[in-house]
């Protein structure tokens, strides 16, 4: 596995006071810039648009920078808010928040050592023949290091950022106040359910014991699989804040970009099939579609990584989603409307015109599923077309509605698969894949 030689090291604020101070500075900068924009419009004799003044690129950069520095709940909420462009936030903000999917700054070595001493004791290094201080990857909750035990066992060690677990509730409360600043969110939009879901999700992801269980579950479900490989959990060096597993030497999934067309097509079929298995067979899904979570082992298998965002899929949700897919394939508009209402894609109290817009977008988005020929992801403009078609949807701010978090996470995974298929320029006949389950 290759390392990123350009990791930035920035100490993670551990205490609530320091974290609140940081977000207070971000909030102050956003508010100051917003008021400045309003004053400028007034001086020009124009009626100020508070939303336009608040949602500037500069304010989005301020917000994204503050969230990335804090990591943890702050960064995760930014990721969640960026999932459903058009349903929750306007494109000005989602474009910047979407960058939070990339690598976070790493901990400085001194802070890393403090964490390892606290979890393993001061003599932990005596058990290792090697421990790479520079991480292989860093994200919102922690960072991953390569290590080798004295018996020759190669491990990947996931180390949680200090203070993340204990700051989740205060971070979410602070961010809730920030997101409710005038002009940031549509008037009347209730983000309380999303904040509550973010809090629950972060508590789950910060519990490495839970992630270890998900790692074991996936490993058991895919044991002996000829296509996918899951690292084995290594209990002796795992704690509630450290997750140890076998290190599997591998290359980025993007290395397939130069493979023959039939190889790329077959790989994408395998990945899409796994998504369908997660929804309809396994009953749980790894919902983080970051390309870094899919790698190629020397034996040709696809290595699956990072199970912190694993979510259970209730049988009734899977059944409703199956029914929705069946209606989408049949273009049965009445059935689509009922299933989308049941699932929570829109609220019953929303205007019929807005519900119709959402239905139109769903029909447009599902067009590749109905094709009787392979879909050419390389030439796909579906995402751009949907963004253009959804302008009317995003413009009616007073009628915005945030779908249930389960749908957001599911679509986050599905959207990630679409982007990966696009990156690999795959040609895939999608309808036969769906018909096996639908």
Protein backbone atom coordinates (compact mmCIF):
# COMPACT_ATOMS: atom_id res chain seq x y z
CA UNK A 1 0.00 0.00 0.00
CA UNK A 2 1.38 3.38 -0.99
CA UNK A 3 1.68 6.25 1.43
CA UNK A 4 0.64 9.82 0.81
CA UNK A 5 3.82 11.80 1.28
CA UNK A 6 1.93 15.08 1.56
CA UNK A 7 0.02 14.50 4.80
CA UNK A 8 -0.44 17.66 6.82
CA UNK A 9 0.05 17.21 10.55
CA UNK A 10 -2.19 19.32 12.78
CA UNK A 11 -2.88 18.69 16.43
CA UNK A 12 -6.47 17.69 17.16
CA UNK A 13 -8.19 19.99 19.72
CA UNK A 14 -9.17 17.64 22.55
CA UNK A 15 -11.17 19.73 25.02
CA UNK A 16 -14.63 21.20 24.58
CA UNK A 17 -13.39 24.73 25.34
CA UNK A 18 -10.76 24.62 22.59
CA UNK A 19 -13.16 23.06 20.10
CA UNK A 20 -15.93 25.56 20.86
CA UNK A 21 -13.43 28.40 20.61
CA UNK A 22 -12.43 27.18 17.17
CA UNK A 23 -16.02 26.91 15.97
CA UNK A 24 -16.81 30.25 17.59
CA UNK A 25 -14.13 31.81 15.45
CA UNK A 26 -15.58 30.18 12.34
CA UNK A 27 -19.09 31.36 13.25
CA UNK A 28 -17.82 34.86 13.91
CA UNK A 29 -16.07 34.96 10.54
CA UNK A 30 -19.18 33.76 8.72
CA UNK A 31 -21.46 36.18 10.54
CA UNK A 32 -19.09 39.09 9.95
CA UNK A 33 -18.79 38.33 6.25
CA UNK A 34 -22.57 37.90 5.96
CA UNK A 35 -23.30 41.23 7.64
CA UNK A 36 -20.66 42.86 5.48
CA UNK A 37 -22.38 41.53 2.37
CA UNK A 38 -25.76 42.79 3.59
CA UNK A 39 -24.31 46.24 4.35
CA UNK A 40 -22.71 46.39 0.92
CA UNK A 41 -26.05 45.65 -0.76
CA UNK A 42 -27.79 48.32 1.34
CA UNK A 43 -25.16 50.91 0.41
CA UNK A 44 -25.83 50.14 -3.24
CA UNK A 45 -29.51 50.77 -2.67
CA UNK A 46 -30.42 47.14 -3.20
CA UNK A 47 -32.63 44.90 -1.08
CA UNK A 48 -30.21 42.45 0.60
CA UNK A 49 -30.66 38.71 0.16
CA UNK A 50 -29.59 37.17 3.47
CA UNK A 51 -29.24 33.67 2.03
CA UNK A 52 -27.08 34.93 -0.84
CA UNK A 53 -24.91 36.91 1.58
CA UNK A 54 -24.42 33.92 3.89
CA UNK A 55 -23.78 31.24 1.27
CA UNK A 56 -20.73 32.76 -0.37
CA UNK A 57 -17.73 30.67 -1.48
CA UNK A 58 -15.60 32.41 1.15
CA UNK A 59 -18.02 31.44 3.95
CA UNK A 60 -18.14 27.86 2.67
CA UNK A 61 -14.34 27.71 2.75
CA UNK A 62 -14.37 29.06 6.33
CA UNK A 63 -16.86 26.39 7.39
CA UNK A 64 -15.09 23.51 5.64
CA UNK A 65 -11.72 24.58 7.04
CA UNK A 66 -13.06 24.72 10.59
CA UNK A 67 -14.73 21.33 10.31
CA UNK A 68 -11.63 19.67 8.85
CA UNK A 69 -9.43 21.05 11.66
CA UNK A 70 -11.71 19.68 14.37
CA UNK A 71 -12.28 16.30 12.64
CA UNK A 72 -14.73 14.05 14.47
CA UNK A 73 -18.35 15.13 14.72
CA UNK A 74 -17.66 18.44 13.02
CA UNK A 75 -16.20 16.85 9.92
CA UNK A 76 -18.77 14.04 9.84
CA UNK A 77 -21.73 16.42 9.98
CA UNK A 78 -20.23 18.36 7.08
CA UNK A 79 -19.99 15.11 5.13
CA UNK A 80 -23.60 14.21 5.95
CA UNK A 81 -24.87 17.62 4.91
CA UNK A 82 -23.07 17.31 1.58
CA UNK A 83 -24.63 13.94 0.70
CA UNK A 84 -27.87 14.99 -0.94
CA UNK A 85 -27.31 17.98 -3.19
CA UNK A 86 -30.70 19.55 -3.82
CA UNK A 87 -32.46 17.95 -0.85
CA UNK A 88 -30.68 19.61 2.09
CA UNK A 89 -28.27 22.39 1.13
CA UNK A 90 -27.65 24.56 -1.92
CA UNK A 91 -24.78 23.77 -4.32
CA UNK A 92 -22.70 26.72 -3.05
CA UNK A 93 -22.23 24.94 0.26
CA UNK A 94 -22.36 21.28 -0.76
CA UNK A 95 -19.53 21.79 -3.27
CA UNK A 96 -17.19 22.85 -0.48
CA UNK A 97 -18.46 20.44 2.17
CA UNK A 98 -18.02 17.62 -0.34
CA UNK A 99 -14.28 18.18 -0.09
CA UNK A 100 -14.44 16.88 3.49
CA UNK A 101 -14.56 13.37 2.04
CA UNK A 102 -10.83 13.74 1.34
CA UNK A 103 -8.03 13.02 3.77
CA UNK A 104 -8.05 14.97 7.02
CA UNK A 105 -4.89 16.40 8.58
CA UNK A 106 -2.91 13.78 10.51
CA UNK A 107 -1.94 13.94 14.18
CA UNK A 108 1.61 15.12 14.90
CA UNK A 109 3.89 12.25 16.09
CA UNK A 110 3.95 13.59 19.66
CA UNK A 111 0.18 13.48 19.94
CA UNK A 112 0.10 10.03 18.33
CA UNK A 113 2.58 8.73 20.91
CA UNK A 114 0.44 10.09 23.73
CA UNK A 115 -2.58 8.20 22.41
CA UNK A 116 -0.65 4.94 21.98
CA UNK A 117 0.84 5.22 25.48
CA UNK A 118 -2.62 5.71 26.95
CA UNK A 119 -4.09 2.70 25.13
CA UNK A 120 -1.18 0.23 25.12
CA UNK A 121 1.01 1.41 28.00
CA UNK A 122 4.42 3.11 27.78
CA UNK A 123 6.30 -0.04 26.72
CA UNK A 124 4.11 -0.87 23.74
CA UNK A 125 6.97 -0.40 21.26
CA UNK A 126 8.74 -3.49 22.65
CA UNK A 127 6.11 -5.68 20.98
CA UNK A 128 6.75 -4.21 17.53
CA UNK A 129 9.56 -4.72 15.08
CA UNK A 130 8.24 -1.74 13.12
CA UNK A 131 5.66 1.01 13.52
CA UNK A 132 5.33 3.62 10.78
CA UNK A 133 4.69 7.02 12.36
CA UNK A 134 3.48 8.49 9.09
CA UNK A 135 -0.10 7.31 8.54
CA UNK A 136 -1.33 5.50 5.47
CA UNK A 137 -4.57 7.47 5.65
CA UNK A 138 -6.42 9.92 7.90
CA UNK A 139 -10.14 10.70 8.03
CA UNK A 140 -12.75 12.24 10.31
CA UNK A 141 -12.39 9.83 13.25
CA UNK A 142 -8.83 8.55 13.13
CA UNK A 143 -5.80 7.58 11.08
CA UNK A 144 -4.25 4.28 9.96
CA UNK A 145 -0.64 3.14 10.45
CA UNK A 146 1.28 0.14 9.20
CA UNK A 147 3.08 -1.95 11.81
CA UNK A 148 4.85 -5.28 12.19
CA UNK A 149 4.93 -7.40 15.32
CA UNK A 150 8.11 -9.15 16.39
CA UNK A 151 6.68 -12.46 15.18
CA UNK A 152 6.46 -11.00 11.67
CA UNK A 153 2.71 -10.34 11.59
CA UNK A 154 1.90 -7.28 9.46
CA UNK A 155 -0.88 -5.14 10.87
CA UNK A 156 -2.89 -2.09 9.93
CA UNK A 157 -3.47 -0.05 13.11
CA UNK A 158 -6.38 2.40 13.15
CA UNK A 159 -5.86 5.02 15.88
CA UNK A 160 -8.70 7.29 16.96
CA UNK A 161 -8.08 11.01 17.30
CA UNK A 162 -7.95 12.07 20.97
CA UNK A 163 -10.99 13.85 22.35
CA UNK A 164 -13.24 12.89 19.43
CA UNK A 165 -15.47 10.47 21.34
CA UNK A 166 -15.95 12.75 24.34
CA UNK A 167 -16.69 15.84 22.26
CA UNK A 168 -19.42 14.44 20.01
CA UNK A 169 -22.42 15.85 21.90
CA UNK A 170 -20.91 19.31 22.43
CA UNK A 171 -19.66 19.45 18.81
CA UNK A 172 -23.08 18.58 17.42
CA UNK A 173 -24.76 21.18 19.65
CA UNK A 174 -22.25 23.83 18.56
CA UNK A 175 -22.65 22.93 14.90
CA UNK A 176 -26.43 22.97 15.22
CA UNK A 177 -26.25 26.56 16.42
CA UNK A 178 -23.87 27.41 13.57
CA UNK A 179 -26.10 25.85 10.90
CA UNK A 180 -29.09 27.76 12.28
CA UNK A 181 -27.41 31.13 11.72
CA UNK A 182 -29.63 33.40 9.61
CA UNK A 183 -29.39 32.61 5.91
CA UNK A 184 -27.46 29.34 6.16
CA UNK A 185 -30.48 27.02 6.09
CA UNK A 186 -33.95 27.57 4.65
CA UNK A 187 -36.45 29.09 7.05
CA UNK A 188 -38.49 26.35 8.68
CA UNK A 189 -36.15 23.50 7.69
CA UNK A 190 -35.94 21.15 10.67
CA UNK A 191 -32.42 19.73 10.85
CA UNK A 192 -32.94 18.31 14.35
CA UNK A 193 -33.43 14.74 13.02
CA UNK A 194 -30.24 15.02 10.97
CA UNK A 195 -28.32 16.36 13.98
CA UNK A 196 -29.65 13.52 16.12
CA UNK A 197 -28.67 10.99 13.46
CA UNK A 198 -25.21 12.54 13.15
CA UNK A 199 -24.79 12.28 16.92
CA UNK A 200 -25.81 8.61 16.93
CA UNK A 201 -23.66 7.83 13.90
CA UNK A 202 -20.60 9.46 15.46
CA UNK A 203 -21.02 7.61 18.73
CA UNK A 204 -21.17 4.38 16.73
CA UNK A 205 -18.15 5.20 14.56
CA UNK A 206 -16.12 6.28 17.59
CA UNK A 207 -16.73 2.86 19.15
CA UNK A 208 -14.02 0.73 17.61
CA UNK A 209 -15.43 -2.30 19.41
CA UNK A 210 -18.54 -1.91 17.27
CA UNK A 211 -16.47 -1.45 14.11
CA UNK A 212 -14.52 -4.59 15.00
CA UNK A 213 -17.81 -6.49 15.14
CA UNK A 214 -18.76 -5.12 11.70
CA UNK A 215 -15.34 -6.12 10.37
CA UNK A 216 -15.90 -9.64 11.67
CA UNK A 217 -19.45 -9.73 10.23
CA UNK A 218 -18.25 -8.75 6.76
CA UNK A 219 -15.34 -11.15 7.03
CA UNK A 220 -17.72 -13.97 7.93
CA UNK A 221 -20.21 -13.11 5.19
CA UNK A 222 -17.48 -12.97 2.55
CA UNK A 223 -15.27 -15.76 3.90
CA UNK A 224 -13.77 -17.74 1.04
CA UNK A 225 -15.16 -15.28 -1.52
CA UNK A 226 -13.24 -15.38 -4.79
CA UNK A 227 -13.88 -11.69 -5.50
CA UNK A 228 -13.56 -9.82 -2.18
CA UNK A 229 -11.09 -9.89 0.69
CA UNK A 230 -11.70 -8.52 4.19
CA UNK A 231 -8.81 -8.06 6.67
CA UNK A 232 -8.93 -10.29 9.74
CA UNK A 233 -9.57 -8.63 13.07
CA UNK A 234 -6.56 -8.71 15.44
CA UNK A 235 -7.93 -8.64 18.99
CA UNK A 236 -4.71 -8.55 21.12
CA UNK A 237 -3.82 -5.01 20.04
CA UNK A 238 -7.35 -3.63 19.70
CA UNK A 239 -9.08 -1.41 22.25
CA UNK A 240 -12.09 0.90 22.25
CA UNK A 241 -9.85 3.54 20.60
CA UNK A 242 -7.51 1.34 18.54
CA UNK A 243 -8.54 -1.17 15.88
CA UNK A 244 -5.91 -3.65 14.70
CA UNK A 245 -6.32 -5.91 11.67
CA UNK A 246 -4.21 -7.79 9.16
CA UNK A 247 -2.39 -5.60 6.68
CA UNK A 248 -3.15 -6.66 3.11
CA UNK A 249 -0.73 -5.30 0.54
CA UNK A 250 -2.81 -3.69 -2.18
CA UNK A 251 -3.03 -0.99 -4.82
CA UNK A 252 -5.64 1.76 -5.32
CA UNK A 253 -8.80 0.65 -7.12
CA UNK A 254 -8.16 3.46 -9.63
CA UNK A 255 -5.25 1.37 -10.94
CA UNK A 256 -7.92 -0.45 -12.96
CA UNK A 257 -8.39 2.67 -15.08
CA UNK A 258 -5.83 1.39 -17.61
CA UNK A 259 -7.04 -2.22 -17.59
CA UNK A 260 -8.84 -3.73 -20.62
CA UNK A 261 -12.48 -2.74 -21.02
CA UNK A 262 -13.87 -6.17 -20.15
CA UNK A 263 -11.80 -6.22 -16.92
CA UNK A 264 -13.10 -2.82 -15.86
CA UNK A 265 -16.66 -3.81 -16.71
CA UNK A 266 -16.41 -7.04 -14.72
CA UNK A 267 -15.03 -5.25 -11.66
CA UNK A 268 -17.81 -2.68 -11.66
CA UNK A 269 -20.40 -5.45 -11.99
CA UNK A 270 -18.87 -7.12 -8.94
CA UNK A 271 -18.98 -3.90 -6.90
CA UNK A 272 -22.57 -3.08 -7.88
CA UNK A 273 -23.59 -6.64 -7.08
CA UNK A 274 -22.02 -6.26 -3.63
CA UNK A 275 -24.14 -3.15 -3.01
CA UNK A 276 -27.28 -5.09 -3.91
CA UNK A 277 -26.21 -7.98 -1.69
CA UNK A 278 -25.70 -5.56 1.19
CA UNK A 279 -29.21 -4.15 0.81
CA UNK A 280 -31.19 -7.28 0.05
CA UNK A 281 -29.18 -10.24 1.36
CA UNK A 282 -26.77 -9.26 4.13
CA UNK A 283 -28.98 -6.72 5.89
CA UNK A 284 -26.06 -4.38 6.57
CA UNK A 285 -24.10 -1.94 4.41
CA UNK A 286 -20.74 -0.22 4.56
CA UNK A 287 -21.98 3.24 3.60
CA UNK A 288 -18.71 5.12 3.06
CA UNK A 289 -18.04 5.14 -0.71
CA UNK A 290 -14.57 6.70 -0.49
CA UNK A 291 -12.50 5.16 -3.29
CA UNK A 292 -9.73 4.49 -0.76
CA UNK A 293 -11.94 1.85 0.86
CA UNK A 294 -11.64 -0.36 -2.24
CA UNK A 295 -8.20 -1.68 -3.20
CA UNK A 296 -6.70 -4.40 -5.39
CA UNK A 297 -4.81 -7.28 -3.80
CA UNK A 298 -2.01 -9.06 -5.70
CA UNK A 299 -4.24 -12.14 -6.06
CA UNK A 300 -6.82 -10.05 -7.94
CA UNK A 301 -9.41 -9.77 -5.17
CA UNK A 302 -10.91 -6.42 -4.17
CA UNK A 303 -9.95 -5.54 -0.60
CA UNK A 304 -12.74 -3.93 1.44
CA UNK A 305 -11.72 -1.48 4.16
CA UNK A 306 -13.21 0.80 6.82
CA UNK A 307 -16.39 -0.53 8.41
CA UNK A 308 -17.01 2.31 10.87
CA UNK A 309 -19.95 3.57 8.80
CA UNK A 310 -21.63 0.16 8.59
CA UNK A 311 -25.38 0.45 9.06
CA UNK A 312 -28.05 -2.19 9.53
CA UNK A 313 -30.79 -2.26 6.88
CA UNK A 314 -34.11 -3.26 8.39
CA UNK A 315 -36.07 -5.90 6.44
CA UNK A 316 -39.03 -3.52 5.99
CA UNK A 317 -36.76 -0.83 4.51
CA UNK A 318 -35.23 -3.37 2.13
CA UNK A 319 -38.72 -4.53 1.12
CA UNK A 320 -39.91 -0.98 0.47
CA UNK A 321 -36.77 -0.19 -1.50
CA UNK A 322 -37.26 -3.37 -3.53
CA UNK A 323 -40.83 -2.27 -4.30
CA UNK A 324 -39.60 1.20 -5.29
CA UNK A 325 -37.02 -0.26 -7.66
CA UNK A 326 -39.71 -2.45 -9.20
CA UNK A 327 -41.89 0.63 -9.77
CA UNK A 328 -38.92 2.57 -11.22
CA UNK A 329 -38.19 -0.21 -13.71
CA UNK A 330 -41.86 -0.27 -14.72
CA UNK A 331 -42.12 3.55 -14.71
CA UNK A 332 -45.26 3.16 -12.62
CA UNK A 333 -45.60 6.74 -11.43
CA UNK A 334 -48.42 6.12 -8.95
CA UNK A 335 -46.54 3.25 -7.28
CA UNK A 336 -43.32 5.31 -7.27
CA UNK A 337 -45.07 8.17 -5.49
CA UNK A 338 -46.51 5.89 -2.81
CA UNK A 339 -43.23 4.07 -2.16
CA UNK A 340 -41.22 7.32 -2.08
CA UNK A 341 -43.73 8.81 0.35
CA UNK A 342 -43.52 5.70 2.55
CA UNK A 343 -39.72 5.83 2.53
CA UNK A 344 -39.61 9.56 3.30
CA UNK A 345 -38.20 11.05 0.10
CA UNK A 346 -40.73 13.85 0.51
CA UNK A 347 -43.23 14.91 3.13
CA UNK A 348 -46.97 14.50 2.67
CA UNK A 349 -47.44 18.21 3.37
CA UNK A 350 -45.17 19.33 0.56
CA UNK A 351 -46.88 20.97 -2.45
CA UNK A 352 -47.91 18.55 -5.19
CA UNK A 353 -45.77 20.47 -7.69
CA UNK A 354 -42.68 19.84 -5.58
CA UNK A 355 -43.52 16.18 -5.13
CA UNK A 356 -43.92 15.92 -8.91
CA UNK A 357 -40.47 17.47 -9.39
CA UNK A 358 -38.94 14.88 -7.08
CA UNK A 359 -40.71 12.10 -8.97
CA UNK A 360 -39.43 13.48 -12.28
CA UNK A 361 -35.88 13.50 -10.91
CA UNK A 362 -36.25 9.92 -9.69
CA UNK A 363 -37.43 8.79 -13.14
CA UNK A 364 -34.53 10.62 -14.77
CA UNK A 365 -31.99 9.25 -12.28
CA UNK A 366 -33.20 5.68 -12.80
CA UNK A 367 -33.11 5.79 -16.61
CA UNK A 368 -29.80 3.83 -16.78
CA UNK A 369 -31.49 1.00 -14.86
CA UNK A 370 -34.15 0.58 -17.54
CA UNK A 371 -31.82 0.46 -20.54
CA UNK A 372 -31.88 -2.72 -22.62
CA UNK A 373 -28.21 -2.20 -23.43
CA UNK A 374 -25.03 -1.58 -21.40
CA UNK A 375 -24.84 1.86 -19.82
CA UNK A 376 -21.75 3.81 -20.85
CA UNK A 377 -20.54 5.39 -17.61
CA UNK A 378 -17.62 7.03 -19.45
CA UNK A 379 -20.01 9.23 -21.43
CA UNK A 380 -22.53 9.68 -18.63
CA UNK A 381 -23.72 13.20 -17.90
CA UNK A 382 -26.42 12.03 -15.48
CA UNK A 383 -25.10 13.90 -12.44
CA UNK A 384 -24.81 17.17 -14.35
CA UNK A 385 -28.23 16.62 -15.94
CA UNK A 386 -29.83 15.99 -12.54
CA UNK A 387 -28.21 19.09 -11.08
CA UNK A 388 -29.61 21.14 -13.95
CA UNK A 389 -33.05 19.56 -13.67
CA UNK A 390 -33.07 20.05 -9.90
CA UNK A 391 -32.61 23.82 -9.96
CA UNK A 392 -36.32 24.40 -9.49
CA UNK A 393 -36.26 21.92 -6.62
CA UNK A 394 -33.47 23.75 -4.85
CA UNK A 395 -34.98 27.17 -5.43
CA UNK A 396 -38.08 26.63 -3.30
CA UNK A 397 -36.20 26.94 0.00
CA UNK A 398 -39.36 27.16 2.09
CA UNK A 399 -40.33 23.64 1.01
CA UNK A 400 -37.03 21.85 1.56
CA UNK A 401 -37.17 18.49 3.25
CA UNK A 402 -34.35 16.32 4.58
CA UNK A 403 -34.99 12.61 3.86
CA UNK A 404 -34.33 10.01 6.59
CA UNK A 405 -30.65 9.45 7.33
CA UNK A 406 -30.88 5.79 6.28
CA UNK A 407 -31.74 6.92 2.75
CA UNK A 408 -28.99 9.53 2.77
CA UNK A 409 -26.37 6.95 3.68
CA UNK A 410 -27.71 4.41 1.19
CA UNK A 411 -27.67 6.95 -1.62
CA UNK A 412 -24.23 8.08 -0.55
CA UNK A 413 -23.00 4.54 -1.23
CA UNK A 414 -24.94 4.21 -4.50
CA UNK A 415 -23.70 7.60 -5.68
CA UNK A 416 -20.14 6.62 -4.83
CA UNK A 417 -20.47 3.46 -6.93
CA UNK A 418 -21.73 5.54 -9.86
CA UNK A 419 -18.69 7.84 -9.59
CA UNK A 420 -16.31 4.88 -9.35
CA UNK A 421 -17.89 3.27 -12.42
CA UNK A 422 -17.52 6.60 -14.17
CA UNK A 423 -13.87 6.82 -13.14
CA UNK A 424 -13.25 3.32 -14.54
CA UNK A 425 -15.18 4.14 -17.75
CA UNK A 426 -17.25 1.00 -17.42
CA UNK A 427 -19.99 -0.32 -19.73
CA UNK A 428 -22.53 -2.23 -17.65
CA UNK A 429 -25.97 -3.64 -18.42
CA UNK A 430 -27.66 -2.65 -15.16
CA UNK A 431 -31.17 -3.99 -15.60
CA UNK A 432 -30.25 -7.70 -15.42
CA UNK A 433 -28.27 -7.02 -12.24
CA UNK A 434 -31.32 -5.48 -10.57
CA UNK A 435 -33.82 -8.03 -11.81
CA UNK A 436 -32.15 -10.77 -9.78
CA UNK A 437 -33.36 -9.01 -6.62
CA UNK A 438 -36.31 -6.98 -7.86
